[in-house]
Amino acid sequence: MATIEELMKANLTGVFNERDAERRRAVIARTYAPDVEFSDPEETLRGHEAIDAKAQKLLDEAPGFAFTPDGPVRVADDLGYLAWNFGPQGEPPVVRGVDVALVQDGLIARLYTLLLTG
């Protein structure tokens, strides 16, 4: 069973940073509960297919951009927190944010993404 730290890193780099759809779907299957809920400022989605489509859309809209962790994963009981940056590789980030995940039975059951400003 993956740790919360491993799940948070898989979410960021193995899903939302992965441009190969087949590899991304394999990570999705082992990272999220089947009925996972994902919320960001734009929408709330449910399920593996919706997360896959969201990741693909973000990557399609930002060729050459990458997500990078902005510090360590923080854990409190069943909650994981990871700050991140998104922008052209090797340049300052265009967007900064945080992911907060509720983990149940070794999988991410609920994921929230918040964008940071300033």
N, C-alpha and C. Protein backbone atom coordinates (compact mmCIF):
# COMPACT_ATOMS: atom_id res chain seq x y z
N MET A 1 0.85 -1.18 0.00
CA MET A 1 0.00 0.00 0.00
C MET A 1 0.90 1.24 0.00
N ALA A 2 0.55 2.19 -0.85
CA ALA A 2 1.35 3.42 -0.97
C ALA A 2 1.14 4.33 0.24
N THR A 3 2.17 5.08 0.57
CA THR A 3 2.05 6.07 1.64
C THR A 3 1.34 7.31 1.08
N ILE A 4 0.91 8.17 1.97
CA ILE A 4 0.28 9.42 1.53
C ILE A 4 1.29 10.26 0.75
N GLU A 5 2.55 10.26 1.18
CA GLU A 5 3.58 10.99 0.44
C GLU A 5 3.69 10.47 -0.99
N GLU A 6 3.71 9.16 -1.14
CA GLU A 6 3.80 8.55 -2.48
C GLU A 6 2.58 8.88 -3.33
N LEU A 7 1.40 8.85 -2.72
CA LEU A 7 0.18 9.17 -3.46
C LEU A 7 0.17 10.62 -3.92
N MET A 8 0.61 11.53 -3.07
CA MET A 8 0.63 12.95 -3.44
C MET A 8 1.62 13.20 -4.59
N LYS A 9 2.76 12.56 -4.53
CA LYS A 9 3.75 12.71 -5.61
C LYS A 9 3.24 12.08 -6.90
N ALA A 10 2.59 10.93 -6.79
CA ALA A 10 2.02 10.28 -7.98
C ALA A 10 0.95 11.16 -8.62
N ASN A 11 0.12 11.79 -7.79
CA ASN A 11 -0.91 12.69 -8.29
C ASN A 11 -0.29 13.81 -9.11
N LEU A 12 0.75 14.43 -8.58
CA LEU A 12 1.35 15.58 -9.25
C LEU A 12 2.16 15.18 -10.48
N THR A 13 3.09 14.25 -10.30
CA THR A 13 4.00 13.95 -11.41
C THR A 13 3.55 12.79 -12.28
N GLY A 14 2.93 11.79 -11.69
CA GLY A 14 2.50 10.62 -12.45
C GLY A 14 1.20 10.79 -13.18
N VAL A 15 0.39 11.76 -12.75
CA VAL A 15 -0.90 12.01 -13.40
C VAL A 15 -0.88 13.36 -14.11
N PHE A 16 -0.78 14.43 -13.36
CA PHE A 16 -0.93 15.75 -13.96
C PHE A 16 0.30 16.22 -14.73
N ASN A 17 1.40 15.50 -14.62
CA ASN A 17 2.60 15.84 -15.38
C ASN A 17 2.87 14.84 -16.50
N GLU A 18 2.09 13.78 -16.57
CA GLU A 18 2.36 12.68 -17.50
C GLU A 18 1.64 12.90 -18.83
N ARG A 19 2.42 13.06 -19.89
CA ARG A 19 1.85 13.31 -21.22
C ARG A 19 1.51 12.03 -21.96
N ASP A 20 2.02 10.90 -21.53
CA ASP A 20 1.69 9.62 -22.15
C ASP A 20 0.40 9.10 -21.50
N ALA A 21 -0.67 9.05 -22.28
CA ALA A 21 -2.00 8.71 -21.74
C ALA A 21 -2.04 7.32 -21.12
N GLU A 22 -1.38 6.35 -21.71
CA GLU A 22 -1.42 4.99 -21.17
C GLU A 22 -0.73 4.92 -19.81
N ARG A 23 0.44 5.54 -19.69
CA ARG A 23 1.13 5.56 -18.40
C ARG A 23 0.32 6.33 -17.36
N ARG A 24 -0.29 7.45 -17.77
CA ARG A 24 -1.09 8.25 -16.85
C ARG A 24 -2.27 7.44 -16.32
N ARG A 25 -2.96 6.71 -17.18
CA ARG A 25 -4.11 5.92 -16.75
C ARG A 25 -3.71 4.81 -15.77
N ALA A 26 -2.53 4.24 -15.95
CA ALA A 26 -2.05 3.21 -15.02
C ALA A 26 -1.81 3.82 -13.64
N VAL A 27 -1.24 5.02 -13.59
CA VAL A 27 -1.01 5.70 -12.31
C VAL A 27 -2.35 6.07 -11.67
N ILE A 28 -3.29 6.55 -12.47
CA ILE A 28 -4.62 6.89 -11.96
C ILE A 28 -5.24 5.69 -11.26
N ALA A 29 -5.16 4.52 -11.89
CA ALA A 29 -5.79 3.31 -11.34
C ALA A 29 -5.22 2.92 -9.98
N ARG A 30 -3.94 3.20 -9.75
CA ARG A 30 -3.34 2.80 -8.47
C ARG A 30 -3.21 3.94 -7.46
N THR A 31 -3.70 5.13 -7.82
CA THR A 31 -3.56 6.30 -6.95
C THR A 31 -4.89 6.76 -6.36
N TYR A 32 -5.97 6.62 -7.12
CA TYR A 32 -7.27 7.17 -6.71
C TYR A 32 -8.31 6.08 -6.50
N ALA A 33 -9.21 6.32 -5.57
CA ALA A 33 -10.38 5.46 -5.41
C ALA A 33 -11.22 5.55 -6.68
N PRO A 34 -11.94 4.50 -7.05
CA PRO A 34 -12.73 4.54 -8.28
C PRO A 34 -13.72 5.71 -8.35
N ASP A 35 -14.27 6.09 -7.21
CA ASP A 35 -15.26 7.18 -7.18
C ASP A 35 -14.66 8.48 -6.65
N VAL A 36 -13.35 8.66 -6.84
CA VAL A 36 -12.65 9.86 -6.36
C VAL A 36 -13.38 11.12 -6.81
N GLU A 37 -13.37 12.11 -5.93
CA GLU A 37 -13.90 13.44 -6.28
C GLU A 37 -12.74 14.41 -6.31
N PHE A 38 -12.69 15.23 -7.35
CA PHE A 38 -11.64 16.22 -7.54
C PHE A 38 -12.30 17.58 -7.70
N SER A 39 -11.86 18.55 -6.90
CA SER A 39 -12.41 19.91 -7.00
C SER A 39 -11.28 20.90 -7.16
N ASP A 40 -11.45 21.83 -8.10
CA ASP A 40 -10.57 22.97 -8.26
C ASP A 40 -11.45 24.20 -8.45
N PRO A 41 -10.88 25.39 -8.63
CA PRO A 41 -11.72 26.58 -8.76
C PRO A 41 -12.69 26.54 -9.95
N GLU A 42 -12.43 25.69 -10.93
CA GLU A 42 -13.28 25.62 -12.12
C GLU A 42 -14.46 24.67 -12.00
N GLU A 43 -14.25 23.52 -11.31
CA GLU A 43 -15.28 22.48 -11.35
C GLU A 43 -15.01 21.39 -10.31
N THR A 44 -15.99 20.51 -10.16
CA THR A 44 -15.84 19.30 -9.37
C THR A 44 -16.12 18.12 -10.30
N LEU A 45 -15.21 17.16 -10.27
CA LEU A 45 -15.29 15.99 -11.14
C LEU A 45 -15.35 14.73 -10.29
N ARG A 46 -15.80 13.64 -10.89
CA ARG A 46 -15.85 12.37 -10.18
C ARG A 46 -15.37 11.24 -11.09
N GLY A 47 -14.46 10.43 -10.56
CA GLY A 47 -14.03 9.21 -11.24
C GLY A 47 -12.73 9.33 -12.01
N HIS A 48 -12.20 8.16 -12.34
CA HIS A 48 -10.92 8.06 -13.03
C HIS A 48 -10.93 8.73 -14.40
N GLU A 49 -11.96 8.48 -15.19
CA GLU A 49 -12.01 9.05 -16.54
C GLU A 49 -12.03 10.57 -16.51
N ALA A 50 -12.73 11.14 -15.56
CA ALA A 50 -12.80 12.60 -15.46
C ALA A 50 -11.45 13.19 -15.08
N ILE A 51 -10.73 12.54 -14.17
CA ILE A 51 -9.40 13.03 -13.80
C ILE A 51 -8.44 12.90 -14.98
N ASP A 52 -8.52 11.80 -15.70
CA ASP A 52 -7.68 11.63 -16.88
C ASP A 52 -7.95 12.74 -17.90
N ALA A 53 -9.21 13.04 -18.16
CA ALA A 53 -9.57 14.09 -19.11
C ALA A 53 -9.09 15.46 -18.63
N LYS A 54 -9.19 15.73 -17.33
CA LYS A 54 -8.74 17.00 -16.77
C LYS A 54 -7.23 17.16 -16.95
N ALA A 55 -6.48 16.11 -16.63
CA ALA A 55 -5.03 16.17 -16.79
C ALA A 55 -4.66 16.38 -18.25
N GLN A 56 -5.31 15.66 -19.14
CA GLN A 56 -5.01 15.80 -20.56
C GLN A 56 -5.30 17.22 -21.05
N LYS A 57 -6.40 17.78 -20.61
CA LYS A 57 -6.77 19.15 -21.01
C LYS A 57 -5.71 20.16 -20.54
N LEU A 58 -5.30 20.05 -19.28
CA LEU A 58 -4.28 20.96 -18.75
C LEU A 58 -2.98 20.85 -19.54
N LEU A 59 -2.56 19.63 -19.83
CA LEU A 59 -1.32 19.42 -20.55
C LEU A 59 -1.42 19.91 -21.99
N ASP A 60 -2.58 19.70 -22.62
CA ASP A 60 -2.78 20.16 -24.00
C ASP A 60 -2.74 21.69 -24.09
N GLU A 61 -3.26 22.35 -23.07
CA GLU A 61 -3.33 23.81 -23.07
C GLU A 61 -1.99 24.46 -22.72
N ALA A 62 -1.04 23.67 -22.24
CA ALA A 62 0.23 24.24 -21.79
C ALA A 62 1.42 23.38 -22.25
N PRO A 63 1.64 23.28 -23.56
CA PRO A 63 2.78 22.48 -24.01
C PRO A 63 4.09 23.08 -23.49
N GLY A 64 4.98 22.20 -23.06
CA GLY A 64 6.26 22.66 -22.54
C GLY A 64 6.24 23.04 -21.07
N PHE A 65 5.05 23.07 -20.46
CA PHE A 65 4.93 23.37 -19.04
C PHE A 65 5.05 22.07 -18.24
N ALA A 66 5.46 22.21 -16.98
CA ALA A 66 5.56 21.06 -16.08
C ALA A 66 5.18 21.47 -14.67
N PHE A 67 4.62 20.52 -13.96
CA PHE A 67 4.35 20.69 -12.52
C PHE A 67 5.60 20.25 -11.77
N THR A 68 5.97 21.02 -10.76
CA THR A 68 7.09 20.65 -9.89
C THR A 68 6.66 20.88 -8.45
N PRO A 69 7.07 20.00 -7.55
CA PRO A 69 6.75 20.21 -6.13
C PRO A 69 7.43 21.48 -5.62
N ASP A 70 6.76 22.16 -4.71
CA ASP A 70 7.31 23.36 -4.07
C ASP A 70 7.41 23.08 -2.57
N GLY A 71 8.27 22.13 -2.23
CA GLY A 71 8.43 21.73 -0.85
C GLY A 71 8.00 20.29 -0.65
N PRO A 72 8.14 19.81 0.57
CA PRO A 72 7.80 18.41 0.86
C PRO A 72 6.29 18.21 0.99
N VAL A 73 5.90 16.96 0.90
CA VAL A 73 4.52 16.58 1.21
C VAL A 73 4.35 16.68 2.72
N ARG A 74 3.26 17.28 3.13
CA ARG A 74 2.90 17.38 4.57
C ARG A 74 1.75 16.41 4.81
N VAL A 75 1.79 15.74 5.95
CA VAL A 75 0.78 14.73 6.27
C VAL A 75 0.26 14.95 7.68
N ALA A 76 -1.05 14.85 7.83
CA ALA A 76 -1.71 14.84 9.13
C ALA A 76 -2.78 13.76 9.06
N ASP A 77 -2.52 12.65 9.73
CA ASP A 77 -3.42 11.52 9.76
C ASP A 77 -3.72 11.04 8.34
N ASP A 78 -4.94 11.25 7.83
CA ASP A 78 -5.33 10.76 6.51
C ASP A 78 -5.36 11.88 5.46
N LEU A 79 -4.69 12.99 5.76
CA LEU A 79 -4.70 14.16 4.89
C LEU A 79 -3.30 14.44 4.37
N GLY A 80 -3.20 14.68 3.07
CA GLY A 80 -1.92 15.05 2.46
C GLY A 80 -2.01 16.43 1.85
N TYR A 81 -0.89 17.15 1.88
CA TYR A 81 -0.82 18.52 1.37
C TYR A 81 0.49 18.65 0.59
N LEU A 82 0.41 19.17 -0.65
CA LEU A 82 1.61 19.38 -1.44
C LEU A 82 1.47 20.67 -2.24
N ALA A 83 2.39 21.60 -2.00
CA ALA A 83 2.44 22.83 -2.79
C ALA A 83 3.17 22.53 -4.10
N TRP A 84 2.79 23.24 -5.16
CA TRP A 84 3.40 23.00 -6.47
C TRP A 84 3.52 24.28 -7.29
N ASN A 85 4.35 24.17 -8.32
CA ASN A 85 4.52 25.24 -9.30
C ASN A 85 4.20 24.65 -10.67
N PHE A 86 3.75 25.51 -11.60
CA PHE A 86 3.46 25.07 -12.97
C PHE A 86 3.93 26.15 -13.92
N GLY A 87 4.76 25.76 -14.86
CA GLY A 87 5.27 26.71 -15.83
C GLY A 87 6.25 26.07 -16.76
N PRO A 88 6.85 26.86 -17.65
CA PRO A 88 7.84 26.32 -18.58
C PRO A 88 9.02 25.74 -17.81
N GLN A 89 9.49 24.60 -18.25
CA GLN A 89 10.59 23.94 -17.56
C GLN A 89 11.81 24.86 -17.51
N GLY A 90 12.39 24.99 -16.33
CA GLY A 90 13.58 25.78 -16.14
C GLY A 90 13.34 27.28 -15.99
N GLU A 91 12.08 27.69 -15.95
CA GLU A 91 11.75 29.11 -15.81
C GLU A 91 10.86 29.31 -14.58
N PRO A 92 10.69 30.56 -14.14
CA PRO A 92 9.80 30.80 -13.01
C PRO A 92 8.37 30.31 -13.30
N PRO A 93 7.65 29.86 -12.27
CA PRO A 93 6.30 29.35 -12.50
C PRO A 93 5.34 30.44 -12.96
N VAL A 94 4.37 30.01 -13.74
CA VAL A 94 3.28 30.88 -14.18
C VAL A 94 2.13 30.78 -13.19
N VAL A 95 1.97 29.59 -12.61
CA VAL A 95 0.90 29.32 -11.65
C VAL A 95 1.50 28.59 -10.46
N ARG A 96 1.02 28.93 -9.27
CA ARG A 96 1.39 28.22 -8.05
C ARG A 96 0.10 27.74 -7.39
N GLY A 97 0.19 26.61 -6.72
CA GLY A 97 -1.00 26.10 -6.05
C GLY A 97 -0.65 25.05 -5.02
N VAL A 98 -1.70 24.47 -4.46
CA VAL A 98 -1.55 23.38 -3.50
C VAL A 98 -2.61 22.32 -3.80
N ASP A 99 -2.23 21.09 -3.53
CA ASP A 99 -3.17 19.98 -3.58
C ASP A 99 -3.36 19.48 -2.15
N VAL A 100 -4.60 19.24 -1.79
CA VAL A 100 -4.94 18.67 -0.50
C VAL A 100 -5.77 17.42 -0.78
N ALA A 101 -5.35 16.30 -0.21
CA ALA A 101 -6.03 15.03 -0.50
C ALA A 101 -6.44 14.32 0.78
N LEU A 102 -7.62 13.77 0.74
CA LEU A 102 -8.11 12.87 1.79
C LEU A 102 -7.88 11.45 1.30
N VAL A 103 -7.18 10.67 2.09
CA VAL A 103 -6.83 9.30 1.70
C VAL A 103 -7.65 8.32 2.54
N GLN A 104 -8.26 7.37 1.84
CA GLN A 104 -9.04 6.32 2.51
C GLN A 104 -8.66 4.99 1.89
N ASP A 105 -8.41 4.00 2.73
CA ASP A 105 -8.06 2.66 2.26
C ASP A 105 -6.89 2.66 1.28
N GLY A 106 -5.91 3.53 1.52
CA GLY A 106 -4.71 3.56 0.72
C GLY A 106 -4.81 4.22 -0.64
N LEU A 107 -5.92 4.94 -0.89
CA LEU A 107 -6.11 5.63 -2.16
C LEU A 107 -6.65 7.03 -1.91
N ILE A 108 -6.39 7.94 -2.83
CA ILE A 108 -6.94 9.28 -2.72
C ILE A 108 -8.44 9.20 -3.01
N ALA A 109 -9.26 9.59 -2.02
CA ALA A 109 -10.70 9.56 -2.16
C ALA A 109 -11.26 10.93 -2.53
N ARG A 110 -10.58 11.99 -2.08
CA ARG A 110 -11.04 13.36 -2.32
C ARG A 110 -9.81 14.22 -2.54
N LEU A 111 -9.81 15.01 -3.60
CA LEU A 111 -8.67 15.84 -3.93
C LEU A 111 -9.15 17.26 -4.19
N TYR A 112 -8.49 18.21 -3.55
CA TYR A 112 -8.79 19.63 -3.74
C TYR A 112 -7.55 20.32 -4.27
N THR A 113 -7.70 21.16 -5.29
CA THR A 113 -6.61 21.97 -5.79
C THR A 113 -6.99 23.43 -5.59
N LEU A 114 -6.08 24.16 -4.96
CA LEU A 114 -6.27 25.59 -4.72
C LEU A 114 -5.16 26.34 -5.43
N LEU A 115 -5.49 27.44 -6.09
CA LEU A 115 -4.50 28.28 -6.75
C LEU A 115 -4.07 29.37 -5.81
N LEU A 116 -2.77 29.69 -5.82
CA LEU A 116 -2.23 30.72 -4.96
C LEU A 116 -1.97 31.97 -5.80
N THR A 117 -2.21 33.11 -5.22
CA THR A 117 -1.93 34.38 -5.91
C THR A 117 -0.97 35.20 -5.07
N GLY A 118 -0.35 36.14 -5.74
CA GLY A 118 0.54 37.04 -5.01
C GLY A 118 1.95 36.63 -4.99
